[in-house]
Amino acid sequence: MLLEEHKPCLDRLVATLGVVPRDLSLFLTALTHRSFLNEYRGEESLEHNERLEFLGDAVLELCVTDFLFHNFPEKSEGELTAIRAALVNTQALTEVARALNINDCLLLSRGEAKDTGRARQFILANAVEALIGAVYADQGYEAARRCIEAFVLQRLPKVLNERLWLDAKSYFQERAQERFGITPTYQILEATGPDHNRQFLVGVFLGEEEVGRGTGSSKQEAEQQAAQQALERYGWR
């Protein structure tokens, strides 16, 4: 059986999470990507993880929101929303997945297993949400909250200290004004492609000096990419 084959990996994972499952199959489901079912030829019935992901997403948002609301009474609604987003976005949850070694336990199609790029990040982040859903369904809210505090909220000091809750453009402007007394400006260097599929190349400048470039399907996206490159150039993020 598939559950027996993957039990050693699942046992390591739930031990890391600090839970003793009543139903280990929930955790197998949490790690089963839709693509795997297209190739699976076994006799046992399997589900993909999207329903658990739906549940876990809601539990994660509630737990993080509750924690931030009670621990940061001085923060505005907008600031709390931005901090929460920095804690639960794809990149943040991918880091959680790697800390848990989720990648070793994922059930993927052969094609998905070969893809280690952006698509894998989404799969890993979704699997984290599905695991939270599995913990909640199997153990209840308090167990899910403990897992979230241990593996998601532990990034909070980094998010606050490095101001990761600010988008790249806002943060670069803040640092540039603080360090150089200059407000960055952005210029479109190139626009290519048809109207329905435009690509923009944008440069960010401090005075006359170009300090970063970015591309995107909108000017706003390209500006964010340019600001991120500038932040990395100066070692600010």
Protein backbone atom coordinates (compact mmCIF):
# COMPACT_ATOMS: atom_id res chain seq x y z
CA MET A 1 0.00 0.00 0.00
CA LEU A 2 1.10 3.53 -0.76
CA LEU A 3 0.61 4.61 2.85
CA GLU A 4 2.93 1.85 4.07
CA GLU A 5 5.54 2.71 1.45
CA HIS A 6 5.63 6.33 2.56
CA LYS A 7 5.17 5.73 6.29
CA PRO A 8 8.85 6.31 7.22
CA CYS A 9 8.84 9.71 5.53
CA LEU A 10 5.45 10.62 6.98
CA ASP A 11 6.55 9.52 10.45
CA ARG A 12 9.57 11.81 10.28
CA LEU A 13 7.42 14.69 9.11
CA VAL A 14 4.71 14.40 11.77
CA ALA A 15 7.41 14.00 14.43
CA THR A 16 8.94 17.28 13.25
CA LEU A 17 5.49 18.87 13.42
CA GLY A 18 5.11 17.52 16.95
CA VAL A 19 1.86 15.63 16.38
CA VAL A 20 0.78 12.02 16.86
CA PRO A 21 -1.78 11.49 14.09
CA ARG A 22 -5.05 9.69 14.62
CA ASP A 23 -5.34 9.24 10.85
CA LEU A 24 -1.98 9.20 9.05
CA SER A 25 -3.72 8.96 5.67
CA LEU A 26 -4.75 12.63 6.02
CA PHE A 27 -1.08 13.58 5.94
CA LEU A 28 -0.48 11.42 2.88
CA THR A 29 -3.35 13.22 1.17
CA ALA A 30 -1.83 16.58 2.15
CA LEU A 31 1.31 15.64 0.22
CA THR A 32 -0.44 14.26 -2.87
CA HIS A 33 -0.40 16.63 -5.82
CA ARG A 34 -3.18 16.42 -8.39
CA SER A 35 -0.67 15.43 -11.09
CA PHE A 36 0.25 12.23 -9.23
CA LEU A 37 -3.27 10.84 -9.61
CA ASN A 38 -2.98 11.03 -13.39
CA GLU A 39 -0.19 8.44 -13.32
CA TYR A 40 -1.10 6.38 -10.27
CA ARG A 41 -2.12 2.84 -11.17
CA GLY A 42 -2.58 1.36 -7.71
CA GLU A 43 -5.83 -0.13 -6.47
CA GLU A 44 -6.36 2.01 -3.38
CA SER A 45 -8.42 5.18 -3.60
CA LEU A 46 -6.44 8.41 -3.36
CA GLU A 47 -7.35 12.08 -3.09
CA HIS A 48 -5.25 15.07 -4.06
CA ASN A 49 -4.50 17.76 -1.49
CA GLU A 50 -6.57 20.68 -2.77
CA ARG A 51 -9.44 20.36 -0.28
CA LEU A 52 -6.99 20.19 2.63
CA GLU A 53 -5.14 23.15 1.15
CA PHE A 54 -8.42 25.10 1.14
CA LEU A 55 -8.95 24.26 4.80
CA GLY A 56 -5.36 24.94 5.82
CA ASP A 57 -5.30 28.31 4.09
CA ALA A 58 -8.23 29.46 6.23
CA VAL A 59 -6.72 28.10 9.46
CA LEU A 60 -3.34 29.68 8.67
CA GLU A 61 -4.88 33.08 7.98
CA LEU A 62 -6.94 32.97 11.18
CA CYS A 63 -4.01 31.93 13.39
CA VAL A 64 -1.61 34.50 11.99
CA THR A 65 -4.26 37.24 12.07
CA ASP A 66 -5.15 36.44 15.69
CA PHE A 67 -1.49 36.45 16.75
CA LEU A 68 -0.72 39.76 15.05
CA PHE A 69 -3.91 41.41 16.31
CA HIS A 70 -3.17 40.59 19.94
CA ASN A 71 0.59 41.17 19.88
CA PHE A 72 0.81 44.40 17.86
CA PRO A 73 -1.93 46.74 19.12
CA GLU A 74 0.02 49.75 17.79
CA LYS A 75 -0.07 48.55 14.16
CA SER A 76 -2.73 49.76 11.75
CA GLU A 77 -4.98 47.44 9.77
CA GLY A 78 -2.91 48.10 6.66
CA GLU A 79 0.37 47.31 8.42
CA LEU A 80 -1.03 44.11 9.94
CA THR A 81 -2.30 43.01 6.53
CA ALA A 82 1.12 43.61 4.97
CA ILE A 83 2.96 41.76 7.75
CA ARG A 84 0.58 38.83 7.46
CA ALA A 85 1.11 38.71 3.70
CA ALA A 86 4.89 38.59 4.21
CA LEU A 87 4.47 35.61 6.55
CA VAL A 88 2.13 33.54 4.38
CA ASN A 89 3.13 34.34 0.79
CA THR A 90 4.49 31.69 -1.56
CA GLN A 91 8.13 32.46 -0.85
CA ALA A 92 7.64 32.36 2.92
CA LEU A 93 5.72 29.08 2.83
CA THR A 94 8.31 27.59 0.48
CA GLU A 95 10.93 28.30 3.15
CA VAL A 96 8.72 26.53 5.70
CA ALA A 97 8.37 23.56 3.35
CA ARG A 98 12.12 23.29 2.95
CA ALA A 99 12.66 23.50 6.70
CA LEU A 100 10.25 20.58 7.07
CA ASN A 101 11.84 18.64 4.16
CA ILE A 102 8.40 18.34 2.59
CA ASN A 103 9.97 17.94 -0.83
CA ASP A 104 11.19 14.45 0.11
CA CYS A 105 7.64 13.30 0.84
CA LEU A 106 5.67 14.86 -2.02
CA LEU A 107 3.76 12.62 -4.40
CA LEU A 108 4.11 14.17 -7.86
CA SER A 109 3.87 13.12 -11.47
CA ARG A 110 7.18 12.39 -13.18
CA GLY A 111 6.92 15.67 -15.09
CA GLU A 112 6.26 17.76 -11.98
CA ALA A 113 9.05 15.97 -10.12
CA LYS A 114 11.56 17.22 -12.69
CA ASP A 115 10.44 20.85 -12.41
CA THR A 116 12.43 22.65 -9.74
CA GLY A 117 11.48 26.21 -10.73
CA ARG A 118 8.65 28.56 -9.83
CA ALA A 119 5.98 25.88 -10.23
CA ARG A 120 7.65 23.77 -7.53
CA GLN A 121 7.53 26.72 -5.14
CA PHE A 122 3.75 26.90 -5.55
CA ILE A 123 3.46 23.15 -5.01
CA LEU A 124 5.55 23.33 -1.82
CA ALA A 125 3.63 26.33 -0.47
CA ASN A 126 0.31 24.66 -1.19
CA ALA A 127 1.52 21.48 0.52
CA VAL A 128 2.31 23.47 3.67
CA GLU A 129 -1.25 24.79 3.70
CA ALA A 130 -2.58 21.28 3.11
CA LEU A 131 -0.48 19.96 6.01
CA ILE A 132 -1.92 22.65 8.27
CA GLY A 133 -5.35 21.53 7.11
CA ALA A 134 -4.45 17.93 7.94
CA VAL A 135 -3.24 18.86 11.43
CA TYR A 136 -6.45 20.83 12.02
CA ALA A 137 -8.70 18.05 10.72
CA ASP A 138 -6.85 15.38 12.70
CA GLN A 139 -5.87 17.20 15.90
CA GLY A 140 -7.94 20.37 16.15
CA TYR A 141 -7.29 24.09 16.27
CA GLU A 142 -4.78 24.22 19.13
CA ALA A 143 -2.45 21.69 17.49
CA ALA A 144 -2.63 23.61 14.22
CA ARG A 145 -1.93 26.86 16.04
CA ARG A 146 1.16 25.38 17.72
CA CYS A 147 2.51 24.21 14.36
CA ILE A 148 1.90 27.61 12.80
CA GLU A 149 3.63 29.40 15.67
CA ALA A 150 6.60 27.01 15.48
CA PHE A 151 7.14 27.04 11.72
CA VAL A 152 5.45 30.13 10.26
CA LEU A 153 5.52 32.77 12.98
CA GLN A 154 9.13 31.99 13.85
CA ARG A 155 9.98 34.07 10.74
CA LEU A 156 8.30 37.13 12.25
CA PRO A 157 11.49 38.71 13.72
CA LYS A 158 13.15 38.50 10.29
CA VAL A 159 10.08 39.98 8.59
CA LEU A 160 10.04 42.90 11.03
CA ASN A 161 13.79 43.51 11.25
CA GLU A 162 14.31 43.41 7.47
CA ARG A 163 10.98 45.14 6.83
CA LEU A 164 10.00 42.37 4.44
CA TRP A 165 6.38 43.41 4.88
CA LEU A 166 7.07 46.47 2.75
CA ASP A 167 6.94 45.89 -1.01
CA ALA A 168 10.29 46.30 -2.77
CA LYS A 169 9.51 49.70 -4.28
CA SER A 170 8.36 51.23 -0.99
CA TYR A 171 11.29 49.76 0.92
CA PHE A 172 13.88 50.90 -1.62
CA GLN A 173 12.48 54.42 -1.51
CA GLU A 174 12.63 54.40 2.29
CA ARG A 175 16.25 53.18 2.36
CA ALA A 176 17.41 55.47 -0.48
CA GLN A 177 15.96 58.54 1.22
CA GLU A 178 17.45 57.50 4.54
CA ARG A 179 20.91 56.72 3.13
CA PHE A 180 21.33 59.18 0.26
CA GLY A 181 18.57 61.75 0.68
CA ILE A 182 17.35 60.88 -2.83
CA THR A 183 13.94 59.68 -4.01
CA PRO A 184 14.29 56.95 -6.68
CA THR A 185 12.78 57.55 -10.10
CA TYR A 186 11.67 54.97 -12.66
CA GLN A 187 11.92 55.08 -16.44
CA ILE A 188 10.57 52.74 -19.10
CA LEU A 189 13.62 51.68 -21.08
CA GLU A 190 11.79 49.44 -23.53
CA ALA A 191 8.27 48.22 -24.28
CA THR A 192 7.83 45.25 -26.61
CA GLY A 193 5.10 42.92 -27.81
CA PRO A 194 1.49 43.42 -28.91
CA ASP A 195 -0.96 45.44 -26.83
CA HIS A 196 -2.50 42.33 -25.28
CA ASN A 197 0.90 40.93 -24.25
CA ARG A 198 3.20 43.87 -23.56
CA GLN A 199 6.53 43.42 -21.81
CA PHE A 200 8.17 46.37 -20.08
CA LEU A 201 11.81 46.92 -19.21
CA VAL A 202 12.12 49.52 -16.46
CA GLY A 203 15.18 51.13 -14.89
CA VAL A 204 15.33 52.62 -11.41
CA PHE A 205 17.60 55.62 -10.94
CA LEU A 206 19.17 57.49 -8.04
CA GLY A 207 19.81 60.84 -9.61
CA GLU A 208 21.42 60.07 -12.97
CA GLU A 209 22.69 56.62 -11.97
CA GLU A 210 20.77 53.53 -12.97
CA VAL A 211 20.86 51.14 -10.02
CA GLY A 212 18.50 48.36 -11.08
CA ARG A 213 16.41 46.95 -13.89
CA GLY A 214 13.27 44.88 -14.00
CA THR A 215 10.89 43.35 -16.50
CA GLY A 216 7.21 42.58 -16.30
CA SER A 217 3.90 42.44 -18.10
CA SER A 218 2.96 45.77 -16.48
CA LYS A 219 4.93 48.87 -15.57
CA GLN A 220 4.13 48.27 -11.91
CA GLU A 221 5.49 44.73 -11.98
CA ALA A 222 8.66 45.85 -13.78
CA GLU A 223 9.18 48.65 -11.25
CA GLN A 224 8.92 46.19 -8.36
CA GLN A 225 11.49 43.92 -10.03
CA ALA A 226 13.82 46.87 -10.62
CA ALA A 227 13.51 47.98 -7.00
CA GLN A 228 14.24 44.44 -5.80
CA GLN A 229 17.39 44.32 -7.92
CA ALA A 230 18.48 47.67 -6.48
CA LEU A 231 17.87 46.44 -2.93
CA GLU A 232 20.04 43.41 -3.62
CA ARG A 233 22.75 45.58 -5.18
CA TYR A 234 23.05 47.60 -1.98
CA GLY A 235 22.67 44.57 0.27
CA TRP A 236 19.48 45.91 1.80
CA ARG A 237 17.43 42.78 1.16
